[in-house]
Amino acid sequence: MAQRVILIRAVNVGGAKLPMAELRELAADLGATNISTYIASGNLLCTPADDPAAFDRALEKAITDRYGYVREVISRSVDDLAAALAEHPFDVVEPKYSYVYCLTAVPASTAVTEFHKRDFGGDEFKVIGDNLHIRYEAGAGVSKLTAPVIAKGLGVQGTGRNLRTVEKLIELARQ
């Protein structure tokens, strides 16, 4: 089994505390090896003992059982994440404003078509496979292109990381 980059949606914000030491412990309890975390925003690197999708669901359940809230766990192989980074369709003016937003599944084509018709001011976005690429004009914190809007519009949940974080996760996973 190969190293995976595992992203957990919306932790350590809005009261959903998930200490990274405890996340590493949960991953180890599920049989993962080569475990590390990067910053306290739900970024886990590990080699799952089982099928990656089964590991993701088991980690979701472990988080819910231990902390009492539900958060999606979305994982990518290092190669998948590197490909998503390479496919980023926008000029990167400021890396902290450009995101790869990993989705839980490929959204329905009708949802993608309708979503692409929406106007979010100067924010640019494009769905490519199971990723939403975003270039925020003035940052994610002031945008109307929010996680709830994305989930409702595309019909799938996801979690975003700016390009600096994506690059760092790839680098760490390849070490």
N, C-alpha and C. Protein backbone atom coordinates (compact mmCIF):
# COMPACT_ATOMS: atom_id res chain seq x y z
N MET A 1 0.85 -1.18 0.00
CA MET A 1 0.00 0.00 0.00
C MET A 1 0.90 1.24 0.00
N ALA A 2 0.48 2.25 -0.74
CA ALA A 2 1.28 3.46 -0.89
C ALA A 2 0.83 4.56 0.07
N GLN A 3 1.70 5.51 0.26
CA GLN A 3 1.41 6.67 1.10
C GLN A 3 0.22 7.43 0.52
N ARG A 4 -0.66 7.92 1.40
CA ARG A 4 -1.84 8.69 1.01
C ARG A 4 -1.82 10.04 1.72
N VAL A 5 -2.43 11.01 1.08
CA VAL A 5 -2.66 12.31 1.69
C VAL A 5 -4.14 12.33 2.04
N ILE A 6 -4.43 12.45 3.32
CA ILE A 6 -5.80 12.38 3.81
C ILE A 6 -6.19 13.75 4.35
N LEU A 7 -7.29 14.26 3.83
CA LEU A 7 -7.76 15.60 4.18
C LEU A 7 -9.09 15.45 4.92
N ILE A 8 -9.19 16.09 6.05
CA ILE A 8 -10.41 16.02 6.85
C ILE A 8 -11.07 17.39 6.81
N ARG A 9 -12.33 17.39 6.43
CA ARG A 9 -13.06 18.64 6.23
C ARG A 9 -13.37 19.34 7.55
N ALA A 10 -13.07 20.61 7.60
CA ALA A 10 -13.53 21.55 8.64
C ALA A 10 -13.24 21.09 10.07
N VAL A 11 -11.99 20.82 10.36
CA VAL A 11 -11.62 20.55 11.75
C VAL A 11 -10.78 21.70 12.28
N ASN A 12 -10.85 21.84 13.58
CA ASN A 12 -10.17 22.92 14.31
C ASN A 12 -10.66 24.30 13.89
N VAL A 13 -11.91 24.32 13.46
CA VAL A 13 -12.65 25.56 13.19
C VAL A 13 -14.07 25.34 13.69
N GLY A 14 -14.72 26.38 14.11
CA GLY A 14 -16.12 26.27 14.50
C GLY A 14 -16.41 25.29 15.62
N GLY A 15 -15.46 25.07 16.50
CA GLY A 15 -15.69 24.20 17.64
C GLY A 15 -15.42 22.72 17.41
N ALA A 16 -15.07 22.33 16.20
CA ALA A 16 -14.78 20.92 15.89
C ALA A 16 -13.29 20.66 16.13
N LYS A 17 -12.95 20.45 17.39
CA LYS A 17 -11.54 20.24 17.76
C LYS A 17 -11.09 18.83 17.40
N LEU A 18 -9.91 18.75 16.80
CA LEU A 18 -9.28 17.47 16.49
C LEU A 18 -7.78 17.65 16.64
N PRO A 19 -7.26 17.37 17.84
CA PRO A 19 -5.82 17.48 18.04
C PRO A 19 -5.06 16.53 17.10
N MET A 20 -4.01 17.04 16.49
CA MET A 20 -3.27 16.25 15.51
C MET A 20 -2.63 15.01 16.13
N ALA A 21 -2.19 15.09 17.38
CA ALA A 21 -1.63 13.91 18.04
C ALA A 21 -2.69 12.82 18.16
N GLU A 22 -3.91 13.22 18.45
CA GLU A 22 -5.00 12.24 18.56
C GLU A 22 -5.40 11.70 17.18
N LEU A 23 -5.31 12.52 16.14
CA LEU A 23 -5.57 12.04 14.79
C LEU A 23 -4.54 10.98 14.40
N ARG A 24 -3.28 11.23 14.72
CA ARG A 24 -2.24 10.23 14.43
C ARG A 24 -2.52 8.93 15.19
N GLU A 25 -2.98 9.07 16.43
CA GLU A 25 -3.32 7.90 17.24
C GLU A 25 -4.48 7.11 16.61
N LEU A 26 -5.51 7.82 16.15
CA LEU A 26 -6.64 7.15 15.50
C LEU A 26 -6.18 6.39 14.26
N ALA A 27 -5.32 7.02 13.46
CA ALA A 27 -4.81 6.36 12.26
C ALA A 27 -4.03 5.10 12.61
N ALA A 28 -3.21 5.18 13.64
CA ALA A 28 -2.44 4.01 14.08
C ALA A 28 -3.37 2.91 14.57
N ASP A 29 -4.40 3.28 15.31
CA ASP A 29 -5.37 2.29 15.80
C ASP A 29 -6.07 1.57 14.64
N LEU A 30 -6.16 2.23 13.50
CA LEU A 30 -6.79 1.63 12.32
C LEU A 30 -5.80 0.88 11.45
N GLY A 31 -4.55 0.76 11.94
CA GLY A 31 -3.55 -0.04 11.25
C GLY A 31 -2.66 0.71 10.28
N ALA A 32 -2.78 2.03 10.22
CA ALA A 32 -1.95 2.80 9.31
C ALA A 32 -0.51 2.84 9.81
N THR A 33 0.42 3.04 8.90
CA THR A 33 1.84 3.20 9.22
C THR A 33 2.35 4.47 8.54
N ASN A 34 3.61 4.81 8.81
CA ASN A 34 4.23 6.00 8.21
C ASN A 34 3.35 7.23 8.43
N ILE A 35 2.94 7.44 9.66
CA ILE A 35 1.93 8.45 10.00
C ILE A 35 2.58 9.77 10.39
N SER A 36 2.06 10.85 9.79
CA SER A 36 2.45 12.20 10.20
C SER A 36 1.28 13.14 9.88
N THR A 37 1.34 14.32 10.46
CA THR A 37 0.34 15.35 10.18
C THR A 37 1.08 16.61 9.79
N TYR A 38 0.35 17.50 9.12
CA TYR A 38 0.91 18.78 8.73
C TYR A 38 -0.08 19.88 9.08
N ILE A 39 0.35 20.81 9.84
CA ILE A 39 -0.45 21.89 10.42
C ILE A 39 -1.76 21.35 10.99
N ALA A 40 -2.43 22.13 11.77
CA ALA A 40 -3.57 21.64 12.55
C ALA A 40 -4.91 21.81 11.83
N SER A 41 -4.90 21.56 10.51
CA SER A 41 -6.15 21.73 9.77
C SER A 41 -6.65 20.45 9.14
N GLY A 42 -6.28 19.32 9.72
CA GLY A 42 -6.81 18.04 9.24
C GLY A 42 -6.06 17.46 8.07
N ASN A 43 -4.75 17.57 8.06
CA ASN A 43 -3.91 17.00 7.01
C ASN A 43 -3.12 15.84 7.60
N LEU A 44 -3.43 14.65 7.14
CA LEU A 44 -2.81 13.43 7.63
C LEU A 44 -2.10 12.75 6.47
N LEU A 45 -0.89 12.30 6.70
CA LEU A 45 -0.15 11.51 5.73
C LEU A 45 0.07 10.15 6.36
N CYS A 46 -0.27 9.10 5.63
CA CYS A 46 -0.07 7.76 6.18
C CYS A 46 -0.20 6.71 5.08
N THR A 47 0.19 5.52 5.44
CA THR A 47 0.00 4.37 4.58
C THR A 47 -1.07 3.50 5.23
N PRO A 48 -2.29 3.49 4.67
CA PRO A 48 -3.35 2.67 5.26
C PRO A 48 -3.05 1.18 5.12
N ALA A 49 -3.52 0.42 6.08
CA ALA A 49 -3.32 -1.03 6.04
C ALA A 49 -4.26 -1.69 5.04
N ASP A 50 -5.39 -1.05 4.78
CA ASP A 50 -6.42 -1.63 3.92
C ASP A 50 -6.65 -0.76 2.70
N ASP A 51 -7.70 -1.10 2.00
CA ASP A 51 -8.19 -0.31 0.88
C ASP A 51 -8.36 1.14 1.33
N PRO A 52 -7.85 2.11 0.56
CA PRO A 52 -7.95 3.51 0.99
C PRO A 52 -9.37 3.99 1.28
N ALA A 53 -10.33 3.60 0.46
CA ALA A 53 -11.71 4.04 0.70
C ALA A 53 -12.23 3.46 2.01
N ALA A 54 -11.89 2.22 2.31
CA ALA A 54 -12.33 1.60 3.56
C ALA A 54 -11.66 2.31 4.75
N PHE A 55 -10.40 2.66 4.60
CA PHE A 55 -9.69 3.39 5.66
C PHE A 55 -10.36 4.74 5.90
N ASP A 56 -10.68 5.45 4.81
CA ASP A 56 -11.31 6.76 4.94
C ASP A 56 -12.62 6.65 5.72
N ARG A 57 -13.45 5.67 5.38
CA ARG A 57 -14.74 5.50 6.08
C ARG A 57 -14.52 5.12 7.54
N ALA A 58 -13.53 4.26 7.80
CA ALA A 58 -13.23 3.86 9.19
C ALA A 58 -12.74 5.06 10.00
N LEU A 59 -11.93 5.92 9.38
CA LEU A 59 -11.44 7.11 10.07
C LEU A 59 -12.59 8.09 10.34
N GLU A 60 -13.48 8.25 9.39
CA GLU A 60 -14.68 9.09 9.62
C GLU A 60 -15.45 8.59 10.83
N LYS A 61 -15.67 7.28 10.88
CA LYS A 61 -16.43 6.68 11.99
C LYS A 61 -15.68 6.87 13.31
N ALA A 62 -14.38 6.67 13.29
CA ALA A 62 -13.59 6.83 14.52
C ALA A 62 -13.65 8.27 15.03
N ILE A 63 -13.60 9.23 14.13
CA ILE A 63 -13.70 10.64 14.53
C ILE A 63 -15.07 10.92 15.11
N THR A 64 -16.12 10.44 14.45
CA THR A 64 -17.48 10.65 14.95
C THR A 64 -17.66 9.99 16.31
N ASP A 65 -17.20 8.75 16.45
CA ASP A 65 -17.34 8.03 17.72
C ASP A 65 -16.60 8.74 18.85
N ARG A 66 -15.43 9.25 18.57
CA ARG A 66 -14.60 9.86 19.62
C ARG A 66 -15.00 11.30 19.95
N TYR A 67 -15.38 12.06 18.93
CA TYR A 67 -15.60 13.50 19.14
C TYR A 67 -17.06 13.94 19.01
N GLY A 68 -17.90 13.09 18.45
CA GLY A 68 -19.32 13.39 18.39
C GLY A 68 -19.76 14.28 17.24
N TYR A 69 -18.88 14.57 16.31
CA TYR A 69 -19.28 15.32 15.11
C TYR A 69 -18.89 14.51 13.87
N VAL A 70 -19.53 14.83 12.76
CA VAL A 70 -19.28 14.12 11.50
C VAL A 70 -18.44 15.02 10.60
N ARG A 71 -17.35 14.49 10.12
CA ARG A 71 -16.51 15.20 9.15
C ARG A 71 -16.09 14.21 8.06
N GLU A 72 -16.18 14.66 6.82
CA GLU A 72 -15.77 13.83 5.71
C GLU A 72 -14.25 13.70 5.68
N VAL A 73 -13.80 12.51 5.32
CA VAL A 73 -12.39 12.21 5.14
C VAL A 73 -12.20 11.95 3.65
N ILE A 74 -11.33 12.71 3.03
CA ILE A 74 -11.11 12.62 1.59
C ILE A 74 -9.62 12.36 1.38
N SER A 75 -9.30 11.28 0.70
CA SER A 75 -7.88 10.99 0.51
C SER A 75 -7.55 10.94 -0.97
N ARG A 76 -6.29 11.20 -1.22
CA ARG A 76 -5.73 11.15 -2.57
C ARG A 76 -4.38 10.47 -2.50
N SER A 77 -4.05 9.75 -3.57
CA SER A 77 -2.67 9.28 -3.68
C SER A 77 -1.80 10.50 -3.93
N VAL A 78 -0.52 10.35 -3.69
CA VAL A 78 0.40 11.45 -3.93
C VAL A 78 0.37 11.83 -5.41
N ASP A 79 0.32 10.83 -6.29
CA ASP A 79 0.28 11.11 -7.72
C ASP A 79 -1.01 11.83 -8.12
N ASP A 80 -2.14 11.44 -7.53
CA ASP A 80 -3.40 12.12 -7.82
C ASP A 80 -3.35 13.58 -7.38
N LEU A 81 -2.80 13.83 -6.21
CA LEU A 81 -2.72 15.20 -5.71
C LEU A 81 -1.75 16.03 -6.57
N ALA A 82 -0.64 15.42 -6.99
CA ALA A 82 0.31 16.12 -7.86
C ALA A 82 -0.33 16.42 -9.22
N ALA A 83 -1.13 15.49 -9.73
CA ALA A 83 -1.82 15.73 -11.00
C ALA A 83 -2.83 16.86 -10.86
N ALA A 84 -3.54 16.90 -9.75
CA ALA A 84 -4.50 17.98 -9.51
C ALA A 84 -3.78 19.32 -9.47
N LEU A 85 -2.63 19.36 -8.83
CA LEU A 85 -1.84 20.59 -8.76
C LEU A 85 -1.41 21.01 -10.17
N ALA A 86 -0.95 20.06 -10.97
CA ALA A 86 -0.51 20.35 -12.33
C ALA A 86 -1.66 20.80 -13.22
N GLU A 87 -2.87 20.34 -12.94
CA GLU A 87 -4.05 20.69 -13.73
C GLU A 87 -4.67 22.03 -13.34
N HIS A 88 -4.15 22.66 -12.31
CA HIS A 88 -4.75 23.92 -11.85
C HIS A 88 -4.85 24.88 -13.04
N PRO A 89 -6.07 25.26 -13.42
CA PRO A 89 -6.27 25.96 -14.69
C PRO A 89 -6.05 27.48 -14.66
N PHE A 90 -5.71 28.03 -13.52
CA PHE A 90 -5.63 29.48 -13.41
C PHE A 90 -4.19 29.94 -13.18
N ASP A 91 -3.89 31.12 -13.68
CA ASP A 91 -2.61 31.73 -13.36
C ASP A 91 -2.57 31.95 -11.85
N VAL A 92 -1.46 31.61 -11.25
CA VAL A 92 -1.32 31.77 -9.80
C VAL A 92 -0.69 33.13 -9.54
N VAL A 93 -1.53 34.06 -9.12
CA VAL A 93 -1.07 35.40 -8.80
C VAL A 93 -0.55 35.42 -7.37
N GLU A 94 -1.30 34.78 -6.49
CA GLU A 94 -0.95 34.68 -5.08
C GLU A 94 -1.31 33.26 -4.64
N PRO A 95 -0.30 32.39 -4.35
CA PRO A 95 -0.59 30.98 -4.04
C PRO A 95 -1.60 30.79 -2.90
N LYS A 96 -1.64 31.70 -1.94
CA LYS A 96 -2.57 31.53 -0.83
C LYS A 96 -4.02 31.77 -1.26
N TYR A 97 -4.25 32.33 -2.45
CA TYR A 97 -5.60 32.55 -2.95
C TYR A 97 -6.02 31.49 -3.97
N SER A 98 -5.13 30.60 -4.33
CA SER A 98 -5.44 29.53 -5.28
C SER A 98 -5.54 28.21 -4.55
N TYR A 99 -6.63 27.47 -4.82
CA TYR A 99 -6.95 26.27 -4.07
C TYR A 99 -7.22 25.08 -4.97
N VAL A 100 -6.88 23.90 -4.45
CA VAL A 100 -7.43 22.64 -4.94
C VAL A 100 -8.41 22.21 -3.86
N TYR A 101 -9.66 22.05 -4.27
CA TYR A 101 -10.74 21.69 -3.36
C TYR A 101 -11.13 20.25 -3.71
N CYS A 102 -10.64 19.30 -2.91
CA CYS A 102 -10.87 17.88 -3.18
C CYS A 102 -12.30 17.51 -2.81
N LEU A 103 -12.99 16.89 -3.75
CA LEU A 103 -14.39 16.51 -3.55
C LEU A 103 -14.49 15.03 -3.18
N THR A 104 -15.58 14.68 -2.53
CA THR A 104 -15.79 13.28 -2.11
C THR A 104 -16.10 12.38 -3.30
N ALA A 105 -16.53 12.95 -4.41
CA ALA A 105 -16.85 12.18 -5.62
C ALA A 105 -16.88 13.13 -6.80
N VAL A 106 -16.93 12.58 -7.98
CA VAL A 106 -17.12 13.39 -9.18
C VAL A 106 -18.57 13.85 -9.19
N PRO A 107 -18.81 15.16 -9.24
CA PRO A 107 -20.20 15.64 -9.24
C PRO A 107 -20.89 15.32 -10.57
N ALA A 108 -22.20 15.25 -10.51
CA ALA A 108 -23.00 15.01 -11.71
C ALA A 108 -22.74 16.12 -12.73
N SER A 109 -22.69 15.75 -14.00
CA SER A 109 -22.38 16.73 -15.04
C SER A 109 -23.39 17.87 -15.08
N THR A 110 -24.66 17.58 -14.80
CA THR A 110 -25.67 18.65 -14.79
C THR A 110 -25.40 19.64 -13.66
N ALA A 111 -24.98 19.14 -12.51
CA ALA A 111 -24.65 20.02 -11.39
C ALA A 111 -23.44 20.89 -11.73
N VAL A 112 -22.45 20.30 -12.38
CA VAL A 112 -21.25 21.06 -12.77
C VAL A 112 -21.62 22.16 -13.76
N THR A 113 -22.43 21.81 -14.76
CA THR A 113 -22.85 22.80 -15.76
C THR A 113 -23.58 23.97 -15.10
N GLU A 114 -24.51 23.66 -14.22
CA GLU A 114 -25.27 24.72 -13.54
C GLU A 114 -24.37 25.55 -12.61
N PHE A 115 -23.47 24.87 -11.92
CA PHE A 115 -22.57 25.57 -11.00
C PHE A 115 -21.66 26.53 -11.75
N HIS A 116 -21.16 26.10 -12.91
CA HIS A 116 -20.27 26.96 -13.70
C HIS A 116 -20.97 28.20 -14.23
N LYS A 117 -22.28 28.20 -14.27
CA LYS A 117 -23.05 29.37 -14.71
C LYS A 117 -23.13 30.45 -13.63
N ARG A 118 -22.80 30.08 -12.40
CA ARG A 118 -22.94 31.02 -11.28
C ARG A 118 -21.81 32.04 -11.27
N ASP A 119 -22.13 33.20 -10.75
CA ASP A 119 -21.17 34.29 -10.68
C ASP A 119 -20.80 34.53 -9.22
N PHE A 120 -19.52 34.44 -8.94
CA PHE A 120 -19.02 34.71 -7.59
C PHE A 120 -18.04 35.89 -7.62
N GLY A 121 -18.45 36.92 -8.34
CA GLY A 121 -17.61 38.11 -8.43
C GLY A 121 -16.32 37.80 -9.16
N GLY A 122 -15.20 38.21 -8.59
CA GLY A 122 -13.91 37.99 -9.22
C GLY A 122 -13.31 36.62 -8.96
N ASP A 123 -13.99 35.77 -8.21
CA ASP A 123 -13.49 34.42 -7.95
C ASP A 123 -13.69 33.55 -9.19
N GLU A 124 -12.65 32.81 -9.54
CA GLU A 124 -12.72 31.90 -10.68
C GLU A 124 -12.70 30.47 -10.15
N PHE A 125 -13.41 29.59 -10.85
CA PHE A 125 -13.47 28.20 -10.41
C PHE A 125 -13.74 27.29 -11.60
N LYS A 126 -13.29 26.05 -11.46
CA LYS A 126 -13.53 25.05 -12.50
C LYS A 126 -13.45 23.66 -11.88
N VAL A 127 -14.43 22.83 -12.19
CA VAL A 127 -14.43 21.44 -11.75
C VAL A 127 -13.65 20.63 -12.78
N ILE A 128 -12.68 19.88 -12.29
CA ILE A 128 -11.93 18.94 -13.12
C ILE A 128 -11.95 17.61 -12.39
N GLY A 129 -12.74 16.67 -12.87
CA GLY A 129 -12.86 15.36 -12.23
C GLY A 129 -13.45 15.49 -10.84
N ASP A 130 -12.73 14.98 -9.85
CA ASP A 130 -13.22 15.05 -8.47
C ASP A 130 -12.54 16.17 -7.68
N ASN A 131 -12.11 17.20 -8.40
CA ASN A 131 -11.52 18.38 -7.76
C ASN A 131 -12.16 19.65 -8.29
N LEU A 132 -12.33 20.61 -7.42
CA LEU A 132 -12.75 21.94 -7.78
C LEU A 132 -11.53 22.84 -7.62
N HIS A 133 -11.17 23.52 -8.70
CA HIS A 133 -10.04 24.45 -8.65
C HIS A 133 -10.60 25.85 -8.48
N ILE A 134 -10.01 26.61 -7.57
CA ILE A 134 -10.50 27.94 -7.27
C ILE A 134 -9.34 28.92 -7.23
N ARG A 135 -9.58 30.10 -7.79
CA ARG A 135 -8.68 31.23 -7.56
C ARG A 135 -9.55 32.35 -6.99
N TYR A 136 -9.38 32.57 -5.70
CA TYR A 136 -10.14 33.63 -5.03
C TYR A 136 -9.51 34.98 -5.36
N GLU A 137 -10.36 35.95 -5.59
CA GLU A 137 -9.87 37.29 -5.89
C GLU A 137 -9.23 37.93 -4.66
N ALA A 138 -9.89 37.79 -3.51
CA ALA A 138 -9.41 38.45 -2.29
C ALA A 138 -9.30 37.50 -1.10
N GLY A 139 -9.28 36.20 -1.35
CA GLY A 139 -9.13 35.23 -0.28
C GLY A 139 -10.42 34.49 0.03
N ALA A 140 -10.26 33.29 0.55
CA ALA A 140 -11.41 32.44 0.85
C ALA A 140 -12.29 33.02 1.94
N GLY A 141 -11.71 33.75 2.87
CA GLY A 141 -12.45 34.27 4.01
C GLY A 141 -13.48 35.31 3.67
N VAL A 142 -13.37 35.95 2.52
CA VAL A 142 -14.33 36.99 2.14
C VAL A 142 -15.18 36.59 0.94
N SER A 143 -14.99 35.40 0.44
CA SER A 143 -15.69 34.95 -0.75
C SER A 143 -17.10 34.44 -0.44
N LYS A 144 -17.97 34.54 -1.42
CA LYS A 144 -19.30 33.93 -1.34
C LYS A 144 -19.25 32.48 -1.85
N LEU A 145 -18.10 32.05 -2.36
CA LEU A 145 -17.89 30.68 -2.81
C LEU A 145 -17.42 29.88 -1.59
N THR A 146 -18.38 29.55 -0.73
CA THR A 146 -18.09 28.91 0.55
C THR A 146 -18.34 27.40 0.48
N ALA A 147 -17.90 26.70 1.50
CA ALA A 147 -18.09 25.24 1.56
C ALA A 147 -19.57 24.85 1.45
N PRO A 148 -20.49 25.48 2.17
CA PRO A 148 -21.90 25.11 2.02
C PRO A 148 -22.44 25.39 0.61
N VAL A 149 -22.01 26.48 0.00
CA VAL A 149 -22.45 26.80 -1.36
C VAL A 149 -21.92 25.76 -2.34
N ILE A 150 -20.67 25.38 -2.18
CA ILE A 150 -20.07 24.36 -3.04
C ILE A 150 -20.80 23.03 -2.88
N ALA A 151 -21.01 22.60 -1.63
CA ALA A 151 -21.67 21.31 -1.37
C ALA A 151 -23.08 21.30 -1.96
N LYS A 152 -23.82 22.36 -1.76
CA LYS A 152 -25.19 22.42 -2.28
C LYS A 152 -25.19 22.48 -3.81
N GLY A 153 -24.31 23.30 -4.36
CA GLY A 153 -24.28 23.48 -5.81
C GLY A 153 -23.80 22.27 -6.57
N LEU A 154 -22.80 21.58 -6.05
CA LEU A 154 -22.24 20.42 -6.75
C LEU A 154 -22.84 19.09 -6.28
N GLY A 155 -23.51 19.12 -5.13
CA GLY A 155 -24.12 17.89 -4.63
C GLY A 155 -23.15 16.93 -3.97
N VAL A 156 -21.93 17.39 -3.70
CA VAL A 156 -20.93 16.58 -3.00
C VAL A 156 -20.15 17.48 -2.05
N GLN A 157 -19.69 16.90 -0.97
CA GLN A 157 -18.85 17.63 -0.03
C GLN A 157 -17.41 17.67 -0.53
N GLY A 158 -16.64 18.52 0.10
CA GLY A 158 -15.24 18.60 -0.23
C GLY A 158 -14.49 19.40 0.81
N THR A 159 -13.20 19.52 0.60
CA THR A 159 -12.37 20.34 1.47
C THR A 159 -11.23 20.90 0.64
N GLY A 160 -10.91 22.16 0.90
CA GLY A 160 -9.91 22.83 0.10
C GLY A 160 -8.62 23.09 0.84
N ARG A 161 -7.54 23.13 0.06
CA ARG A 161 -6.23 23.51 0.58
C ARG A 161 -5.60 24.45 -0.44
N ASN A 162 -4.95 25.49 0.06
CA ASN A 162 -4.30 26.40 -0.90
C ASN A 162 -3.10 25.70 -1.52
N LEU A 163 -2.62 26.27 -2.63
CA LEU A 163 -1.57 25.59 -3.38
C LEU A 163 -0.28 25.43 -2.59
N ARG A 164 0.02 26.35 -1.70
CA ARG A 164 1.21 26.19 -0.86
C ARG A 164 1.08 24.93 0.00
N THR A 165 -0.08 24.74 0.58
CA THR A 165 -0.30 23.55 1.42
C THR A 165 -0.26 22.29 0.58
N VAL A 166 -0.89 22.32 -0.59
CA VAL A 166 -0.88 21.14 -1.48
C VAL A 166 0.56 20.78 -1.85
N GLU A 167 1.35 21.77 -2.22
CA GLU A 167 2.74 21.51 -2.57
C GLU A 167 3.50 20.90 -1.39
N LYS A 168 3.28 21.41 -0.20
CA LYS A 168 3.96 20.91 0.99
C LYS A 168 3.53 19.47 1.31
N LEU A 169 2.24 19.19 1.18
CA LEU A 169 1.74 17.82 1.43
C LEU A 169 2.36 16.83 0.45
N ILE A 170 2.47 17.21 -0.79
CA ILE A 170 3.11 16.35 -1.80
C ILE A 170 4.57 16.11 -1.43
N GLU A 171 5.26 17.18 -1.08
CA GLU A 171 6.67 17.07 -0.70
C GLU A 171 6.85 16.14 0.50
N LEU A 172 6.03 16.33 1.53
CA LEU A 172 6.13 15.49 2.73
C LEU A 172 5.81 14.03 2.43
N ALA A 173 4.82 13.79 1.61
CA ALA A 173 4.42 12.41 1.30
C ALA A 173 5.48 11.69 0.46
N ARG A 174 6.26 12.44 -0.27
CA ARG A 174 7.29 11.82 -1.11
C ARG A 174 8.60 11.59 -0.38
N GLN A 175 8.71 12.07 0.84
CA GLN A 175 9.96 11.90 1.59
C GLN A 175 10.11 10.48 2.10
